[in-house]
Amino acid sequence: MTESVKEIFGNGRGGTPAPGNAPPAPAALAAKVRTLAPSMTRSMQRVAEAVAGDPAGCAALTVTGLAERTGTSEATVVRTARLLGYPGYRDLRLALAGLAAHQQSGRAPAITTDIAVDDPIADVVAKLAYDEQQTLADTAAGLDTVQLGAAVTALAGARRTDVYGIGASGLVAQDLTQKLLRIGLIAHAHSDPHLAVTNAVQLRAGDVAIAITHSGSTGDVIEPLRVAFERGATTVAITGRPDSSVTQYADHVLTTSTARESELRPAAMSSRTSQLLVVDCLFVGVAQRTYEAAAPALAASYEALAHRHRNVPR
């Protein structure tokens, strides 16, 4: 075993899970792989796909054996195990053995999130609710609170905030700007790529630009963020791919999670859920920082609309 792998296996920084972050249960391993695989390197994906596809076979392998089977290195195997939530490969092997035994017993997992065309609506509700919960939990666990705090600070003091998003991400961009407007901040959502760029040209130091793109490779979102970055604005990327193109123009990166895409559940559905969580965290953080101005602004906006909710005809 190489020295670097021994270091990861040891009792040092990576040897034990962080408090409160228990390794996932064996039955949750496959779902964890589906969630995290898109953000892994290709070599780590091979390891993750192997353990999810053949838990019994992989459980019987040493770290060296699994590395040889997947054409990777021992260090890659251990890094994959840690990314999946296990302190080291030994812990992953135990989970794989448990998952294999669970599958061989003939019992179905407590809940599976794949939605079939003939699923009863009650099952659809249960599966979607489970998926949403997992997506939110994974996003919260992976959110860098230092980066989040820095983004909140920038937003709270911004002269102006521009938010870029296309499609489902565009809806999230609108949600964020509407929230910021309600507490008296100047914010604009741009789903038209031409308007986004022409507005980004007007940004400068003291302004904030936020790009929302699950893939991190949407050109119509990356281009205005690049322009804003070059103009000196503070830039933020909300993305499910922390190593994607959009992050090269982001001062702060906020990573989201997503469930595995399926025929009846496109990635836009679960990515929107996690993006909305991040947006809500940003908004609440800004409202806290600007409370003396935000609270009266919220009260005023509520009062301005209150009459529309009174005496509604039945």
Foldseek 3Di string as FASTA:
>chain_A
DDPVQVVLCDPPDLNDFDPPQAQDALLCLLQLLLWCLVQDDPLLNLLSCVCNVQLPVVLPDDLCRSCVVSVHDSVSNQVSCVSNRHSGVPRVSVSSVVNVVVVVVVDDPPADLDDDPPDDVVNPVVSVVVQLVVQQVVLVVPWDVVLLLVLLVLQLQAQEEEEEDEDLQLVLQVVLQVLCVLLPHHYYYDHDLVVLQVVLLPAADRYEYEYEDAVLEPPSRQNSLQSNLVRHYAYEYEYQHCPHDSVVSHPGYTHGIFTRADPVRHRSVSSSSRSNVSSVSSSVSSCVVVVVRRVVSNVVVCVVCVVVVPPDPD
